[in-house]
């Protein structure tokens, strides 16, 4: 079954530049999303760059806090809503 997605749908979603809002750089930019398996870096909260630039500082902090509180049970990623 073929569906028409508004504004590009899944293809657009995959092609977006995903960044980790929990690891901002000093120049106002963000690190790319993801990390290696044995990395000591904290668990990433990834969002598209366009959404990250629209979020306030408190929204970013809240999203990262909820993501890290959810943990990483069984080594599987945990989806957490960006906005409550």
N, C-alpha and C. Protein backbone atom coordinates (compact mmCIF):
# COMPACT_ATOMS: atom_id res chain seq x y z
N UNK A 1 0.84 -1.17 0.00
CA UNK A 1 0.00 0.00 0.00
C UNK A 1 0.90 1.24 0.00
N UNK A 2 0.66 2.15 -0.90
CA UNK A 2 1.46 3.36 -1.01
C UNK A 2 0.71 4.53 -0.39
N UNK A 3 1.41 5.29 0.43
CA UNK A 3 0.79 6.44 1.07
C UNK A 3 1.50 7.71 0.64
N UNK A 4 0.74 8.77 0.53
CA UNK A 4 1.33 10.08 0.25
C UNK A 4 1.53 10.80 1.57
N UNK A 5 2.78 11.11 1.88
CA UNK A 5 3.08 11.82 3.11
C UNK A 5 3.16 13.31 2.83
N UNK A 6 2.65 14.10 3.74
CA UNK A 6 2.69 15.55 3.60
C UNK A 6 4.14 16.02 3.66
N UNK A 7 4.52 16.86 2.74
CA UNK A 7 5.84 17.49 2.69
C UNK A 7 7.00 16.50 2.70
N UNK A 8 6.90 15.39 2.03
CA UNK A 8 8.03 14.49 1.88
C UNK A 8 8.04 13.31 2.83
N UNK A 9 7.42 13.42 3.98
CA UNK A 9 7.28 12.31 4.90
C UNK A 9 8.59 11.68 5.34
N UNK A 10 8.66 10.37 5.25
CA UNK A 10 9.77 9.60 5.77
C UNK A 10 11.09 9.93 5.08
N UNK A 11 11.07 10.14 3.78
CA UNK A 11 12.31 10.47 3.06
C UNK A 11 12.91 11.77 3.58
N UNK A 12 12.06 12.76 3.78
CA UNK A 12 12.54 14.05 4.31
C UNK A 12 13.08 13.86 5.72
N UNK A 13 12.40 13.08 6.53
CA UNK A 13 12.78 12.83 7.91
C UNK A 13 14.18 12.19 7.98
N UNK A 14 14.43 11.23 7.12
CA UNK A 14 15.71 10.53 7.10
C UNK A 14 16.84 11.45 6.63
N UNK A 15 16.55 12.32 5.67
CA UNK A 15 17.58 13.19 5.09
C UNK A 15 17.94 14.39 5.96
N UNK A 16 17.13 14.67 6.97
CA UNK A 16 17.41 15.82 7.83
C UNK A 16 18.73 15.63 8.57
N UNK A 17 19.35 16.75 8.95
CA UNK A 17 20.59 16.70 9.72
C UNK A 17 20.21 16.56 11.19
N UNK A 18 20.58 15.43 11.79
CA UNK A 18 20.23 15.14 13.17
C UNK A 18 21.39 15.52 14.07
N UNK A 19 21.08 16.23 15.17
CA UNK A 19 22.10 16.70 16.10
C UNK A 19 21.73 16.29 17.53
N UNK A 20 22.73 16.27 18.39
CA UNK A 20 22.55 15.93 19.80
C UNK A 20 22.41 17.23 20.59
N UNK A 21 21.19 17.52 21.07
CA UNK A 21 20.97 18.77 21.80
C UNK A 21 21.54 18.72 23.22
N UNK A 22 21.95 17.56 23.66
CA UNK A 22 22.55 17.42 24.98
C UNK A 22 24.04 17.71 24.99
N UNK A 23 24.62 17.93 23.80
CA UNK A 23 26.06 18.18 23.71
C UNK A 23 26.33 19.39 22.80
N UNK A 24 25.94 20.58 23.24
CA UNK A 24 26.20 21.76 22.41
C UNK A 24 27.68 22.12 22.42
N UNK A 25 28.14 22.70 21.31
CA UNK A 25 29.51 23.19 21.25
C UNK A 25 29.52 24.64 21.72
N UNK A 26 30.68 25.16 22.03
CA UNK A 26 30.79 26.52 22.56
C UNK A 26 30.41 27.58 21.54
N UNK A 27 30.50 27.27 20.25
CA UNK A 27 30.19 28.26 19.21
C UNK A 27 28.71 28.27 18.84
N UNK A 28 27.87 27.58 19.61
CA UNK A 28 26.43 27.58 19.36
C UNK A 28 25.96 26.46 18.45
N UNK A 29 26.88 25.67 17.92
CA UNK A 29 26.51 24.54 17.06
C UNK A 29 26.37 23.29 17.92
N UNK A 30 26.03 22.18 17.27
CA UNK A 30 25.80 20.93 17.98
C UNK A 30 26.65 19.82 17.39
N UNK A 31 26.91 18.80 18.21
CA UNK A 31 27.60 17.62 17.72
C UNK A 31 26.61 16.79 16.92
N UNK A 32 27.09 16.02 15.94
CA UNK A 32 26.18 15.15 15.20
C UNK A 32 25.58 14.09 16.12
N UNK A 33 24.44 13.59 15.75
CA UNK A 33 23.74 12.61 16.56
C UNK A 33 24.48 11.28 16.57
N UNK A 34 24.35 10.57 17.68
CA UNK A 34 24.91 9.23 17.80
C UNK A 34 26.21 9.21 18.58
N UNK A 35 26.62 8.00 18.92
CA UNK A 35 27.88 7.80 19.62
C UNK A 35 28.31 6.35 19.42
N UNK A 36 29.58 6.08 19.64
CA UNK A 36 30.05 4.71 19.50
C UNK A 36 29.65 3.90 20.73
N UNK A 37 29.63 2.60 20.60
CA UNK A 37 29.11 1.73 21.64
C UNK A 37 29.85 1.88 22.98
N UNK A 38 31.16 1.96 22.95
CA UNK A 38 31.93 2.05 24.19
C UNK A 38 32.21 3.48 24.62
N UNK A 39 31.54 4.43 24.02
CA UNK A 39 31.80 5.84 24.30
C UNK A 39 31.45 6.21 25.74
N UNK A 40 32.27 7.08 26.31
CA UNK A 40 32.01 7.57 27.67
C UNK A 40 31.08 8.78 27.65
N UNK A 41 30.75 9.24 26.44
CA UNK A 41 29.87 10.39 26.28
C UNK A 41 28.47 10.06 26.80
N UNK A 42 27.78 11.05 27.33
CA UNK A 42 26.43 10.83 27.86
C UNK A 42 25.46 10.42 26.76
N UNK A 43 24.35 9.80 27.16
CA UNK A 43 23.36 9.32 26.20
C UNK A 43 22.78 10.48 25.40
N UNK A 44 22.80 10.41 24.07
CA UNK A 44 22.37 11.55 23.25
C UNK A 44 20.85 11.71 23.14
N UNK A 45 20.41 12.93 23.05
CA UNK A 45 19.01 13.26 22.73
C UNK A 45 19.07 13.92 21.36
N UNK A 46 18.64 13.19 20.35
CA UNK A 46 18.78 13.65 18.97
C UNK A 46 17.49 14.24 18.43
N UNK A 47 17.62 15.37 17.76
CA UNK A 47 16.50 16.02 17.08
C UNK A 47 17.03 16.60 15.78
N UNK A 48 16.15 16.87 14.81
CA UNK A 48 16.61 17.53 13.59
C UNK A 48 17.15 18.92 13.91
N UNK A 49 18.14 19.37 13.17
CA UNK A 49 18.76 20.67 13.40
C UNK A 49 17.73 21.79 13.36
N UNK A 50 16.77 21.72 12.45
CA UNK A 50 15.75 22.76 12.33
C UNK A 50 14.94 22.87 13.63
N UNK A 51 14.62 21.74 14.24
CA UNK A 51 13.86 21.76 15.49
C UNK A 51 14.74 22.26 16.63
N UNK A 52 16.01 21.87 16.65
CA UNK A 52 16.93 22.28 17.71
C UNK A 52 17.09 23.80 17.75
N UNK A 53 17.13 24.43 16.60
CA UNK A 53 17.30 25.88 16.56
C UNK A 53 16.06 26.62 17.04
N UNK A 54 14.89 26.00 16.93
CA UNK A 54 13.63 26.63 17.37
C UNK A 54 13.36 26.43 18.86
N UNK A 55 14.02 25.46 19.48
CA UNK A 55 13.77 25.15 20.88
C UNK A 55 14.44 26.17 21.81
N UNK A 56 13.78 26.46 22.92
CA UNK A 56 14.38 27.34 23.92
C UNK A 56 15.37 26.54 24.76
N UNK A 57 16.17 27.24 25.53
CA UNK A 57 17.16 26.58 26.37
C UNK A 57 16.49 25.65 27.38
N UNK A 58 15.38 26.09 27.95
CA UNK A 58 14.68 25.26 28.94
C UNK A 58 14.02 24.04 28.30
N UNK A 59 13.52 24.17 27.07
CA UNK A 59 12.94 23.03 26.37
C UNK A 59 14.01 21.97 26.09
N UNK A 60 15.19 22.42 25.68
CA UNK A 60 16.29 21.49 25.42
C UNK A 60 16.70 20.77 26.70
N UNK A 61 16.84 21.52 27.79
CA UNK A 61 17.24 20.93 29.06
C UNK A 61 16.22 19.90 29.54
N UNK A 62 14.94 20.21 29.40
CA UNK A 62 13.87 19.31 29.81
C UNK A 62 13.89 18.02 29.00
N UNK A 63 14.05 18.15 27.68
CA UNK A 63 14.07 16.98 26.80
C UNK A 63 15.26 16.08 27.12
N UNK A 64 16.42 16.67 27.33
CA UNK A 64 17.63 15.90 27.64
C UNK A 64 17.48 15.21 28.99
N UNK A 65 16.93 15.91 29.96
CA UNK A 65 16.74 15.35 31.31
C UNK A 65 15.82 14.13 31.26
N UNK A 66 14.70 14.23 30.52
CA UNK A 66 13.77 13.11 30.42
C UNK A 66 14.39 11.93 29.68
N UNK A 67 15.18 12.21 28.65
CA UNK A 67 15.84 11.15 27.88
C UNK A 67 16.82 10.38 28.75
N UNK A 68 17.62 11.10 29.51
CA UNK A 68 18.62 10.44 30.36
C UNK A 68 17.98 9.73 31.54
N UNK A 69 16.86 10.24 32.04
CA UNK A 69 16.14 9.59 33.14
C UNK A 69 15.52 8.28 32.68
N UNK A 70 15.13 8.20 31.39
CA UNK A 70 14.53 6.98 30.85
C UNK A 70 15.55 5.86 30.76
N UNK A 71 16.83 6.22 30.68
CA UNK A 71 17.89 5.22 30.66
C UNK A 71 18.00 4.49 29.33
N UNK A 72 18.76 3.41 29.36
CA UNK A 72 19.02 2.61 28.18
C UNK A 72 18.85 1.14 28.54
N UNK A 73 17.61 0.69 28.79
CA UNK A 73 17.38 -0.68 29.25
C UNK A 73 17.71 -1.72 28.18
N UNK A 74 18.50 -2.70 28.55
CA UNK A 74 18.82 -3.79 27.64
C UNK A 74 19.62 -3.38 26.43
N UNK A 75 20.29 -2.23 26.49
CA UNK A 75 21.10 -1.78 25.36
C UNK A 75 20.30 -1.27 24.19
N UNK A 76 18.99 -1.13 24.35
CA UNK A 76 18.15 -0.65 23.25
C UNK A 76 17.83 0.82 23.45
N UNK A 77 17.78 1.59 22.36
CA UNK A 77 17.45 3.01 22.51
C UNK A 77 16.03 3.20 23.00
N UNK A 78 15.81 4.25 23.76
CA UNK A 78 14.51 4.55 24.34
C UNK A 78 13.99 5.84 23.71
N UNK A 79 12.80 5.78 23.12
CA UNK A 79 12.19 6.98 22.55
C UNK A 79 11.51 7.78 23.64
N UNK A 80 11.79 9.08 23.66
CA UNK A 80 11.21 10.00 24.62
C UNK A 80 10.71 11.21 23.85
N UNK A 81 9.50 11.67 24.15
CA UNK A 81 8.95 12.83 23.46
C UNK A 81 9.84 14.05 23.68
N UNK A 82 10.01 14.83 22.62
CA UNK A 82 10.81 16.04 22.73
C UNK A 82 10.05 17.11 23.49
N UNK A 83 8.76 17.23 23.23
CA UNK A 83 7.92 18.21 23.91
C UNK A 83 6.85 17.48 24.71
N UNK A 84 6.60 17.95 25.92
CA UNK A 84 5.57 17.32 26.77
C UNK A 84 4.28 18.07 26.61
